[in-house]
């Protein structure tokens, strides 16, 4: 599994391959938004993230998102997460200029 943090106000995505990383959800935000993409949920999750009802914004309840990808293939998981970030950038132009980093 690979996890990625997407921040909207300071546009960027940070990927984590090591699930024991202390940076994962370190803020322990109440009601943190998460999406978990797997073989069985791929179509549904992609539809949810592209839906007009999915929003990102500067408000604390909308400003970030944790996405996990679980396909038993780290390279494919990273490719899926990069693709998701690119799709989000089409709807939320601020993300278009945000870097993608790998933390661990």
PDB file of N, CA and C in Angstrom:
ATOM      1  N   UNK A   1       0.842  -1.174   0.000  1.00  0.00           N
ATOM      2  CA  UNK A   1       0.000   0.000   0.000  1.00  0.00           C
ATOM      3  C   UNK A   1       0.888   1.238   0.000  1.00  0.00           C
ATOM      4  N   UNK A   2       0.442   2.237  -0.732  1.00  0.00           N
ATOM      5  CA  UNK A   2       1.100   3.542  -0.758  1.00  0.00           C
ATOM      6  C   UNK A   2       0.061   4.574  -0.350  1.00  0.00           C
ATOM      7  N   UNK A   3       0.469   5.502   0.517  1.00  0.00           N
ATOM      8  CA  UNK A   3      -0.434   6.562   0.955  1.00  0.00           C
ATOM      9  C   UNK A   3       0.093   7.893   0.455  1.00  0.00           C
ATOM     10  N   UNK A   4      -0.840   8.790   0.145  1.00  0.00           N
ATOM     11  CA  UNK A   4      -0.450  10.122  -0.321  1.00  0.00           C
ATOM     12  C   UNK A   4      -1.294  11.173   0.374  1.00  0.00           C
ATOM     13  N   UNK A   5      -0.647  12.259   0.717  1.00  0.00           N
ATOM     14  CA  UNK A   5      -1.318  13.404   1.331  1.00  0.00           C
ATOM     15  C   UNK A   5      -1.416  14.504   0.289  1.00  0.00           C
ATOM     16  N   UNK A   6      -2.619  15.020   0.089  1.00  0.00           N
ATOM     17  CA  UNK A   6      -2.848  16.122  -0.844  1.00  0.00           C
ATOM     18  C   UNK A   6      -3.256  17.339  -0.025  1.00  0.00           C
ATOM     19  N   UNK A   7      -2.544  18.434  -0.225  1.00  0.00           N
ATOM     20  CA  UNK A   7      -2.874  19.685   0.446  1.00  0.00           C
ATOM     21  C   UNK A   7      -3.297  20.695  -0.608  1.00  0.00           C
ATOM     22  N   UNK A   8      -4.396  21.372  -0.362  1.00  0.00           N
ATOM     23  CA  UNK A   8      -4.917  22.333  -1.336  1.00  0.00           C
ATOM     24  C   UNK A   8      -4.361  23.743  -1.141  1.00  0.00           C
ATOM     25  N   UNK A   9      -4.407  24.326   0.082  1.00  0.00           N
ATOM     26  CA  UNK A   9      -3.919  25.709   0.219  1.00  0.00           C
ATOM     27  C   UNK A   9      -2.444  25.875  -0.154  1.00  0.00           C
ATOM     28  N   UNK A  10      -1.628  24.899   0.224  1.00  0.00           N
ATOM     29  CA  UNK A  10      -0.229  24.865  -0.185  1.00  0.00           C
ATOM     30  C   UNK A  10      -0.123  23.665  -1.113  1.00  0.00           C
ATOM     31  N   UNK A  11      -0.411  23.860  -2.389  1.00  0.00           N
ATOM     32  CA  UNK A  11      -0.611  22.731  -3.295  1.00  0.00           C
ATOM     33  C   UNK A  11       0.599  21.811  -3.418  1.00  0.00           C
ATOM     34  N   UNK A  12       0.372  20.575  -3.035  1.00  0.00           N
ATOM     35  CA  UNK A  12       1.378  19.538  -3.196  1.00  0.00           C
ATOM     36  C   UNK A  12       0.777  18.185  -2.854  1.00  0.00           C
ATOM     37  N   UNK A  13       1.469  17.145  -3.283  1.00  0.00           N
ATOM     38  CA  UNK A  13       1.141  15.790  -2.880  1.00  0.00           C
ATOM     39  C   UNK A  13       2.423  15.137  -2.387  1.00  0.00           C
ATOM     40  N   UNK A  14       2.335  14.465  -1.238  1.00  0.00           N
ATOM     41  CA  UNK A  14       3.469  13.757  -0.672  1.00  0.00           C
ATOM     42  C   UNK A  14       3.112  12.288  -0.536  1.00  0.00           C
ATOM     43  N   UNK A  15       3.929  11.421  -1.129  1.00  0.00           N
ATOM     44  CA  UNK A  15       3.680   9.981  -1.094  1.00  0.00           C
ATOM     45  C   UNK A  15       4.527   9.304  -0.020  1.00  0.00           C
ATOM     46  N   UNK A  16       3.930   8.277   0.569  1.00  0.00           N
ATOM     47  CA  UNK A  16       4.582   7.489   1.608  1.00  0.00           C
ATOM     48  C   UNK A  16       4.437   6.012   1.262  1.00  0.00           C
ATOM     49  N   UNK A  17       5.567   5.331   1.079  1.00  0.00           N
ATOM     50  CA  UNK A  17       5.565   3.891   0.816  1.00  0.00           C
ATOM     51  C   UNK A  17       5.729   3.103   2.113  1.00  0.00           C
ATOM     52  N   UNK A  18       6.341   3.718   3.107  1.00  0.00           N
ATOM     53  CA  UNK A  18       6.548   3.071   4.413  1.00  0.00           C
ATOM     54  C   UNK A  18       5.368   3.416   5.314  1.00  0.00           C
ATOM     55  N   UNK A  19       4.521   2.430   5.593  1.00  0.00           N
ATOM     56  CA  UNK A  19       3.301   2.696   6.360  1.00  0.00           C
ATOM     57  C   UNK A  19       3.557   2.984   7.830  1.00  0.00           C
ATOM     58  N   UNK A  20       4.771   2.747   8.298  1.00  0.00           N
ATOM     59  CA  UNK A  20       5.116   3.063   9.681  1.00  0.00           C
ATOM     60  C   UNK A  20       5.656   4.481   9.824  1.00  0.00           C
ATOM     61  N   UNK A  21       5.702   5.231   8.732  1.00  0.00           N
ATOM     62  CA  UNK A  21       6.225   6.600   8.745  1.00  0.00           C
ATOM     63  C   UNK A  21       5.431   7.460   9.725  1.00  0.00           C
ATOM     64  N   UNK A  22       6.126   8.158  10.576  1.00  0.00           N
ATOM     65  CA  UNK A  22       5.483   9.001  11.585  1.00  0.00           C
ATOM     66  C   UNK A  22       4.816  10.245  10.990  1.00  0.00           C
ATOM     67  N   UNK A  23       5.122  10.555   9.739  1.00  0.00           N
ATOM     68  CA  UNK A  23       4.516  11.714   9.083  1.00  0.00           C
ATOM     69  C   UNK A  23       3.091  11.419   8.594  1.00  0.00           C
ATOM     70  N   UNK A  24       2.731  10.148   8.489  1.00  0.00           N
ATOM     71  CA  UNK A  24       1.392   9.791   8.018  1.00  0.00           C
ATOM     72  C   UNK A  24       0.387  10.163   9.086  1.00  0.00           C
ATOM     73  N   UNK A  25      -0.515  11.064   8.725  1.00  0.00           N
ATOM     74  CA  UNK A  25      -1.592  11.520   9.608  1.00  0.00           C
ATOM     75  C   UNK A  25      -1.084  12.026  10.955  1.00  0.00           C
ATOM     76  N   UNK A  26       0.069  12.680  10.960  1.00  0.00           N
ATOM     77  CA  UNK A  26       0.651  13.127  12.221  1.00  0.00           C
ATOM     78  C   UNK A  26      -0.198  14.189  12.920  1.00  0.00           C
ATOM     79  N   UNK A  27      -0.999  14.921  12.175  1.00  0.00           N
ATOM     80  CA  UNK A  27      -1.823  15.956  12.791  1.00  0.00           C
ATOM     81  C   UNK A  27      -3.076  15.377  13.461  1.00  0.00           C
ATOM     82  N   UNK A  28      -3.405  14.129  13.144  1.00  0.00           N
ATOM     83  CA  UNK A  28      -4.579  13.461  13.699  1.00  0.00           C
ATOM     84  C   UNK A  28      -5.806  14.364  13.649  1.00  0.00           C
ATOM     85  N   UNK A  29      -6.054  14.891  12.474  1.00  0.00           N
ATOM     86  CA  UNK A  29      -7.160  15.810  12.240  1.00  0.00           C
ATOM     87  C   UNK A  29      -8.499  15.098  12.434  1.00  0.00           C
ATOM     88  N   UNK A  30      -9.374  15.711  13.179  1.00  0.00           N
ATOM     89  CA  UNK A  30     -10.708  15.174  13.377  1.00  0.00           C
ATOM     90  C   UNK A  30     -11.438  15.157  12.040  1.00  0.00           C
ATOM     91  N   UNK A  31     -12.106  14.057  11.749  1.00  0.00           N
ATOM     92  CA  UNK A  31     -12.871  13.903  10.503  1.00  0.00           C
ATOM     93  C   UNK A  31     -11.986  14.069   9.264  1.00  0.00           C
ATOM     94  N   UNK A  32     -10.764  13.565   9.339  1.00  0.00           N
ATOM     95  CA  UNK A  32      -9.852  13.628   8.193  1.00  0.00           C
ATOM     96  C   UNK A  32     -10.460  12.885   7.001  1.00  0.00           C
ATOM     97  N   UNK A  33     -10.470  13.524   5.848  1.00  0.00           N
ATOM     98  CA  UNK A  33     -11.004  12.879   4.647  1.00  0.00           C
ATOM     99  C   UNK A  33      -9.987  11.889   4.111  1.00  0.00           C
ATOM    100  N   UNK A  34     -10.469  10.705   3.769  1.00  0.00           N
ATOM    101  CA  UNK A  34      -9.623   9.665   3.219  1.00  0.00           C
ATOM    102  C   UNK A  34     -10.349   8.959   2.080  1.00  0.00           C
ATOM    103  N   UNK A  35      -9.563   8.489   1.137  1.00  0.00           N
ATOM    104  CA  UNK A  35     -10.073   7.660   0.052  1.00  0.00           C
ATOM    105  C   UNK A  35      -9.105   6.492  -0.067  1.00  0.00           C
ATOM    106  N   UNK A  36      -9.632   5.280  -0.131  1.00  0.00           N
ATOM    107  CA  UNK A  36      -8.809   4.087  -0.261  1.00  0.00           C
ATOM    108  C   UNK A  36      -9.143   3.418  -1.587  1.00  0.00           C
ATOM    109  N   UNK A  37      -8.178   3.416  -2.499  1.00  0.00           N
ATOM    110  CA  UNK A  37      -8.396   2.885  -3.844  1.00  0.00           C
ATOM    111  C   UNK A  37      -7.803   1.473  -3.924  1.00  0.00           C
ATOM    112  N   UNK A  38      -8.643   0.514  -4.334  1.00  0.00           N
ATOM    113  CA  UNK A  38      -8.221  -0.873  -4.507  1.00  0.00           C
ATOM    114  C   UNK A  38      -8.752  -1.375  -5.850  1.00  0.00           C
ATOM    115  N   UNK A  39      -8.418  -2.619  -6.180  1.00  0.00           N
ATOM    116  CA  UNK A  39      -8.955  -3.216  -7.416  1.00  0.00           C
ATOM    117  C   UNK A  39     -10.478  -3.143  -7.423  1.00  0.00           C
ATOM    118  N   UNK A  40     -11.086  -3.470  -6.294  1.00  0.00           N
ATOM    119  CA  UNK A  40     -12.544  -3.536  -6.225  1.00  0.00           C
ATOM    120  C   UNK A  40     -13.250  -2.211  -6.172  1.00  0.00           C
ATOM    121  N   UNK A  41     -12.532  -1.146  -5.778  1.00  0.00           N
ATOM    122  CA  UNK A  41     -13.177   0.164  -5.618  1.00  0.00           C
ATOM    123  C   UNK A  41     -12.698   1.199  -6.619  1.00  0.00           C
ATOM    124  N   UNK A  42     -11.809   0.806  -7.521  1.00  0.00           N
ATOM    125  CA  UNK A  42     -11.164   1.767  -8.425  1.00  0.00           C
ATOM    126  C   UNK A  42     -12.168   2.658  -9.148  1.00  0.00           C
ATOM    127  N   UNK A  43     -13.136   2.072  -9.833  1.00  0.00           N
ATOM    128  CA  UNK A  43     -14.101   2.854 -10.621  1.00  0.00           C
ATOM    129  C   UNK A  43     -14.920   3.779  -9.735  1.00  0.00           C
ATOM    130  N   UNK A  44     -15.387   3.266  -8.610  1.00  0.00           N
ATOM    131  CA  UNK A  44     -16.200   4.069  -7.692  1.00  0.00           C
ATOM    132  C   UNK A  44     -15.404   5.239  -7.137  1.00  0.00           C
ATOM    133  N   UNK A  45     -14.175   4.961  -6.687  1.00  0.00           N
ATOM    134  CA  UNK A  45     -13.350   6.015  -6.100  1.00  0.00           C
ATOM    135  C   UNK A  45     -12.953   7.072  -7.120  1.00  0.00           C
ATOM    136  N   UNK A  46     -12.618   6.648  -8.324  1.00  0.00           N
ATOM    137  CA  UNK A  46     -12.261   7.620  -9.361  1.00  0.00           C
ATOM    138  C   UNK A  46     -13.478   8.493  -9.681  1.00  0.00           C
ATOM    139  N   UNK A  47     -14.645   7.887  -9.728  1.00  0.00           N
ATOM    140  CA  UNK A  47     -15.867   8.648  -9.963  1.00  0.00           C
ATOM    141  C   UNK A  47     -16.129   9.639  -8.854  1.00  0.00           C
ATOM    142  N   UNK A  48     -15.904   9.222  -7.614  1.00  0.00           N
ATOM    143  CA  UNK A  48     -16.110  10.106  -6.462  1.00  0.00           C
ATOM    144  C   UNK A  48     -15.180  11.313  -6.527  1.00  0.00           C
ATOM    145  N   UNK A  49     -13.909  11.071  -6.832  1.00  0.00           N
ATOM    146  CA  UNK A  49     -12.936  12.167  -6.863  1.00  0.00           C
ATOM    147  C   UNK A  49     -13.179  13.123  -8.029  1.00  0.00           C
ATOM    148  N   UNK A  50     -13.809  12.658  -9.092  1.00  0.00           N
ATOM    149  CA  UNK A  50     -14.093  13.519 -10.239  1.00  0.00           C
ATOM    150  C   UNK A  50     -15.485  14.140 -10.178  1.00  0.00           C
ATOM    151  N   UNK A  51     -16.270  13.720  -9.199  1.00  0.00           N
ATOM    152  CA  UNK A  51     -17.633  14.210  -9.059  1.00  0.00           C
ATOM    153  C   UNK A  51     -17.664  15.686  -8.667  1.00  0.00           C
ATOM    154  N   UNK A  52     -18.674  16.380  -9.132  1.00  0.00           N
ATOM    155  CA  UNK A  52     -18.851  17.797  -8.775  1.00  0.00           C
ATOM    156  C   UNK A  52     -19.103  17.955  -7.274  1.00  0.00           C
ATOM    157  N   UNK A  53     -19.538  16.886  -6.600  1.00  0.00           N
ATOM    158  CA  UNK A  53     -19.799  16.976  -5.159  1.00  0.00           C
ATOM    159  C   UNK A  53     -18.506  16.926  -4.343  1.00  0.00           C
ATOM    160  N   UNK A  54     -17.406  16.413  -4.933  1.00  0.00           N
ATOM    161  CA  UNK A  54     -16.117  16.403  -4.239  1.00  0.00           C
ATOM    162  C   UNK A  54     -15.501  17.780  -4.355  1.00  0.00           C
ATOM    163  N   UNK A  55     -15.157  18.351  -3.212  1.00  0.00           N
ATOM    164  CA  UNK A  55     -14.616  19.713  -3.215  1.00  0.00           C
ATOM    165  C   UNK A  55     -13.310  19.796  -2.446  1.00  0.00           C
ATOM    166  N   UNK A  56     -12.480  20.729  -2.860  1.00  0.00           N
ATOM    167  CA  UNK A  56     -11.290  21.137  -2.129  1.00  0.00           C
ATOM    168  C   UNK A  56     -11.371  22.640  -1.961  1.00  0.00           C
ATOM    169  N   UNK A  57     -10.892  23.149  -0.828  1.00  0.00           N
ATOM    170  CA  UNK A  57     -10.935  24.581  -0.591  1.00  0.00           C
ATOM    171  C   UNK A  57     -10.068  24.961   0.586  1.00  0.00           C
ATOM    172  N   UNK A  58     -10.049  26.243   0.893  1.00  0.00           N
ATOM    173  CA  UNK A  58      -9.201  26.758   1.963  1.00  0.00           C
ATOM    174  C   UNK A  58      -9.793  26.518   3.351  1.00  0.00           C
ATOM    175  N   UNK A  59     -11.026  26.085   3.437  1.00  0.00           N
ATOM    176  CA  UNK A  59     -11.669  25.771   4.709  1.00  0.00           C
ATOM    177  C   UNK A  59     -11.028  24.509   5.312  1.00  0.00           C
ATOM    178  N   UNK A  60     -10.903  24.452   6.636  1.00  0.00           N
ATOM    179  CA  UNK A  60     -10.240  23.325   7.297  1.00  0.00           C
ATOM    180  C   UNK A  60     -10.874  21.976   6.959  1.00  0.00           C
ATOM    181  N   UNK A  61     -12.166  21.949   6.711  1.00  0.00           N
ATOM    182  CA  UNK A  61     -12.823  20.676   6.399  1.00  0.00           C
ATOM    183  C   UNK A  61     -12.603  20.235   4.954  1.00  0.00           C
ATOM    184  N   UNK A  62     -12.088  21.128   4.112  1.00  0.00           N
ATOM    185  CA  UNK A  62     -11.915  20.836   2.686  1.00  0.00           C
ATOM    186  C   UNK A  62     -10.483  20.972   2.193  1.00  0.00           C
ATOM    187  N   UNK A  63      -9.540  21.310   3.072  1.00  0.00           N
ATOM    188  CA  UNK A  63      -8.221  21.716   2.588  1.00  0.00           C
ATOM    189  C   UNK A  63      -7.219  20.593   2.348  1.00  0.00           C
ATOM    190  N   UNK A  64      -7.574  19.362   2.707  1.00  0.00           N
ATOM    191  CA  UNK A  64      -6.620  18.291   2.467  1.00  0.00           C
ATOM    192  C   UNK A  64      -7.333  16.951   2.339  1.00  0.00           C
ATOM    193  N   UNK A  65      -6.525  15.928   2.008  1.00  0.00           N
ATOM    194  CA  UNK A  65      -7.079  14.609   1.735  1.00  0.00           C
ATOM    195  C   UNK A  65      -5.953  13.587   1.809  1.00  0.00           C
ATOM    196  N   UNK A  66      -6.219  12.442   2.412  1.00  0.00           N
ATOM    197  CA  UNK A  66      -5.301  11.303   2.378  1.00  0.00           C
ATOM    198  C   UNK A  66      -5.876  10.284   1.413  1.00  0.00           C
ATOM    199  N   UNK A  67      -5.047   9.810   0.492  1.00  0.00           N
ATOM    200  CA  UNK A  67      -5.459   8.797  -0.475  1.00  0.00           C
ATOM    201  C   UNK A  67      -4.529   7.598  -0.317  1.00  0.00           C
ATOM    202  N   UNK A  68      -5.099   6.416  -0.210  1.00  0.00           N
ATOM    203  CA  UNK A  68      -4.265   5.217  -0.200  1.00  0.00           C
ATOM    204  C   UNK A  68      -4.584   4.393  -1.434  1.00  0.00           C
ATOM    205  N   UNK A  69      -3.560   3.773  -1.973  1.00  0.00           N
ATOM    206  CA  UNK A  69      -3.701   2.898  -3.136  1.00  0.00           C
ATOM    207  C   UNK A  69      -3.125   1.542  -2.750  1.00  0.00           C
ATOM    208  N   UNK A  70      -3.939   0.500  -2.911  1.00  0.00           N
ATOM    209  CA  UNK A  70      -3.487  -0.840  -2.530  1.00  0.00           C
ATOM    210  C   UNK A  70      -3.703  -1.802  -3.687  1.00  0.00           C
ATOM    211  N   UNK A  71      -2.589  -2.089  -4.383  1.00  0.00           N
ATOM    212  CA  UNK A  71      -2.618  -2.982  -5.534  1.00  0.00           C
ATOM    213  C   UNK A  71      -1.504  -4.021  -5.486  1.00  0.00           C
ATOM    214  N   UNK A  72      -0.787  -4.115  -4.368  1.00  0.00           N
ATOM    215  CA  UNK A  72       0.330  -5.052  -4.210  1.00  0.00           C
ATOM    216  C   UNK A  72       1.421  -4.837  -5.258  1.00  0.00           C
ATOM    217  N   UNK A  73       1.550  -3.600  -5.711  1.00  0.00           N
ATOM    218  CA  UNK A  73       2.564  -3.240  -6.692  1.00  0.00           C
ATOM    219  C   UNK A  73       2.906  -1.762  -6.470  1.00  0.00           C
ATOM    220  N   UNK A  74       3.980  -1.472  -5.725  1.00  0.00           N
ATOM    221  CA  UNK A  74       4.313  -0.087  -5.380  1.00  0.00           C
ATOM    222  C   UNK A  74       4.426   0.859  -6.579  1.00  0.00           C
ATOM    223  N   UNK A  75       4.973   0.383  -7.694  1.00  0.00           N
ATOM    224  CA  UNK A  75       5.113   1.238  -8.870  1.00  0.00           C
ATOM    225  C   UNK A  75       3.747   1.598  -9.446  1.00  0.00           C
ATOM    226  N   UNK A  76       2.847   0.630  -9.501  1.00  0.00           N
ATOM    227  CA  UNK A  76       1.505   0.896 -10.009  1.00  0.00           C
ATOM    228  C   UNK A  76       0.744   1.806  -9.050  1.00  0.00           C
ATOM    229  N   UNK A  77       0.899   1.581  -7.746  1.00  0.00           N
ATOM    230  CA  UNK A  77       0.241   2.424  -6.748  1.00  0.00           C
ATOM    231  C   UNK A  77       0.681   3.880  -6.910  1.00  0.00           C
ATOM    232  N   UNK A  78       1.966   4.087  -7.104  1.00  0.00           N
ATOM    233  CA  UNK A  78       2.471   5.447  -7.305  1.00  0.00           C
ATOM    234  C   UNK A  78       1.903   6.048  -8.586  1.00  0.00           C
ATOM    235  N   UNK A  79       1.825   5.252  -9.640  1.00  0.00           N
ATOM    236  CA  UNK A  79       1.259   5.743 -10.904  1.00  0.00           C
ATOM    237  C   UNK A  79      -0.213   6.126 -10.726  1.00  0.00           C
ATOM    238  N   UNK A  80      -0.965   5.327  -9.987  1.00  0.00           N
ATOM    239  CA  UNK A  80      -2.375   5.641  -9.728  1.00  0.00           C
ATOM    240  C   UNK A  80      -2.480   6.949  -8.959  1.00  0.00           C
ATOM    241  N   UNK A  81      -1.672   7.112  -7.922  1.00  0.00           N
ATOM    242  CA  UNK A  81      -1.734   8.336  -7.115  1.00  0.00           C
ATOM    243  C   UNK A  81      -1.330   9.565  -7.929  1.00  0.00           C
ATOM    244  N   UNK A  82      -0.338   9.439  -8.774  1.00  0.00           N
ATOM    245  CA  UNK A  82       0.048  10.550  -9.648  1.00  0.00           C
ATOM    246  C   UNK A  82      -1.088  10.898 -10.617  1.00  0.00           C
ATOM    247  N   UNK A  83      -1.744   9.877 -11.130  1.00  0.00           N
ATOM    248  CA  UNK A  83      -2.871  10.098 -12.039  1.00  0.00           C
ATOM    249  C   UNK A  83      -4.025  10.793 -11.312  1.00  0.00           C
ATOM    250  N   UNK A  84      -4.316  10.369 -10.107  1.00  0.00           N
ATOM    251  CA  UNK A  84      -5.376  11.010  -9.312  1.00  0.00           C
ATOM    252  C   UNK A  84      -5.052  12.480  -9.100  1.00  0.00           C
ATOM    253  N   UNK A  85      -3.804  12.784  -8.761  1.00  0.00           N
ATOM    254  CA  UNK A  85      -3.407  14.177  -8.533  1.00  0.00           C
ATOM    255  C   UNK A  85      -3.550  15.000  -9.812  1.00  0.00           C
ATOM    256  N   UNK A  86      -3.192  14.400 -10.938  1.00  0.00           N
ATOM    257  CA  UNK A  86      -3.345  15.086 -12.229  1.00  0.00           C
ATOM    258  C   UNK A  86      -4.824  15.358 -12.522  1.00  0.00           C
ATOM    259  N   UNK A  87      -5.679  14.373 -12.255  1.00  0.00           N
ATOM    260  CA  UNK A  87      -7.119  14.569 -12.461  1.00  0.00           C
ATOM    261  C   UNK A  87      -7.664  15.657 -11.536  1.00  0.00           C
ATOM    262  N   UNK A  88      -7.222  15.657 -10.290  1.00  0.00           N
ATOM    263  CA  UNK A  88      -7.658  16.704  -9.368  1.00  0.00           C
ATOM    264  C   UNK A  88      -7.202  18.075  -9.866  1.00  0.00           C
ATOM    265  N   UNK A  89      -6.013  18.127 -10.461  1.00  0.00           N
ATOM    266  CA  UNK A  89      -5.496  19.382 -11.001  1.00  0.00           C
ATOM    267  C   UNK A  89      -6.332  19.924 -12.147  1.00  0.00           C
ATOM    268  N   UNK A  90      -7.032  19.059 -12.851  1.00  0.00           N
ATOM    269  CA  UNK A  90      -7.910  19.528 -13.928  1.00  0.00           C
ATOM    270  C   UNK A  90      -9.123  20.264 -13.370  1.00  0.00           C
ATOM    271  N   UNK A  91      -9.566  19.866 -12.202  1.00  0.00           N
ATOM    272  CA  UNK A  91     -10.717  20.533 -11.575  1.00  0.00           C
ATOM    273  C   UNK A  91     -10.298  21.669 -10.655  1.00  0.00           C
ATOM    274  N   UNK A  92      -9.166  21.507  -9.992  1.00  0.00           N
ATOM    275  CA  UNK A  92      -8.697  22.487  -9.014  1.00  0.00           C
ATOM    276  C   UNK A  92      -7.348  23.009  -9.501  1.00  0.00           C
ATOM    277  N   UNK A  93      -7.392  24.101 -10.257  1.00  0.00           N
ATOM    278  CA  UNK A  93      -6.209  24.580 -10.972  1.00  0.00           C
ATOM    279  C   UNK A  93      -5.030  24.864 -10.048  1.00  0.00           C
ATOM    280  N   UNK A  94      -5.280  25.179  -8.810  1.00  0.00           N
ATOM    281  CA  UNK A  94      -4.187  25.437  -7.866  1.00  0.00           C
ATOM    282  C   UNK A  94      -3.250  24.229  -7.783  1.00  0.00           C
ATOM    283  N   UNK A  95      -3.802  23.026  -7.888  1.00  0.00           N
ATOM    284  CA  UNK A  95      -2.992  21.818  -7.774  1.00  0.00           C
ATOM    285  C   UNK A  95      -2.108  21.582  -8.994  1.00  0.00           C
ATOM    286  N   UNK A  96      -2.412  22.212 -10.113  1.00  0.00           N
ATOM    287  CA  UNK A  96      -1.638  22.002 -11.342  1.00  0.00           C
ATOM    288  C   UNK A  96      -0.166  22.359 -11.162  1.00  0.00           C
ATOM    289  N   UNK A  97       0.105  23.351 -10.334  1.00  0.00           N
ATOM    290  CA  UNK A  97       1.495  23.784 -10.145  1.00  0.00           C
ATOM    291  C   UNK A  97       2.136  23.140  -8.912  1.00  0.00           C
ATOM    292  N   UNK A  98       1.369  22.330  -8.192  1.00  0.00           N
ATOM    293  CA  UNK A  98       1.890  21.721  -6.965  1.00  0.00           C
ATOM    294  C   UNK A  98       2.798  20.534  -7.246  1.00  0.00           C
ATOM    295  N   UNK A  99       3.914  20.452  -6.556  1.00  0.00           N
ATOM    296  CA  UNK A  99       4.843  19.347  -6.778  1.00  0.00           C
ATOM    297  C   UNK A  99       4.337  18.037  -6.176  1.00  0.00           C
ATOM    298  N   UNK A 100       4.881  16.956  -6.677  1.00  0.00           N
ATOM    299  CA  UNK A 100       4.638  15.622  -6.123  1.00  0.00           C
ATOM    300  C   UNK A 100       5.966  15.164  -5.545  1.00  0.00           C
ATOM    301  N   UNK A 101       5.952  14.859  -4.251  1.00  0.00           N
ATOM    302  CA  UNK A 101       7.177  14.441  -3.571  1.00  0.00           C
ATOM    303  C   UNK A 101       6.979  13.046  -2.993  1.00  0.00           C
ATOM    304  N   UNK A 102       8.076  12.320  -2.868  1.00  0.00           N
ATOM    305  CA  UNK A 102       8.059  11.047  -2.164  1.00  0.00           C
ATOM    306  C   UNK A 102       8.808  11.242  -0.861  1.00  0.00           C
ATOM    307  N   UNK A 103       8.144  10.993   0.254  1.00  0.00           N
ATOM    308  CA  UNK A 103       8.772  11.161   1.564  1.00  0.00           C
ATOM    309  C   UNK A 103       9.552   9.919   1.970  1.00  0.00           C
ATOM    310  N   UNK A 104       8.933   8.768   1.809  1.00  0.00           N
ATOM    311  CA  UNK A 104       9.601   7.535   2.221  1.00  0.00           C
ATOM    312  C   UNK A 104       9.119   6.371   1.367  1.00  0.00           C
TER     313      UNK A 104
END
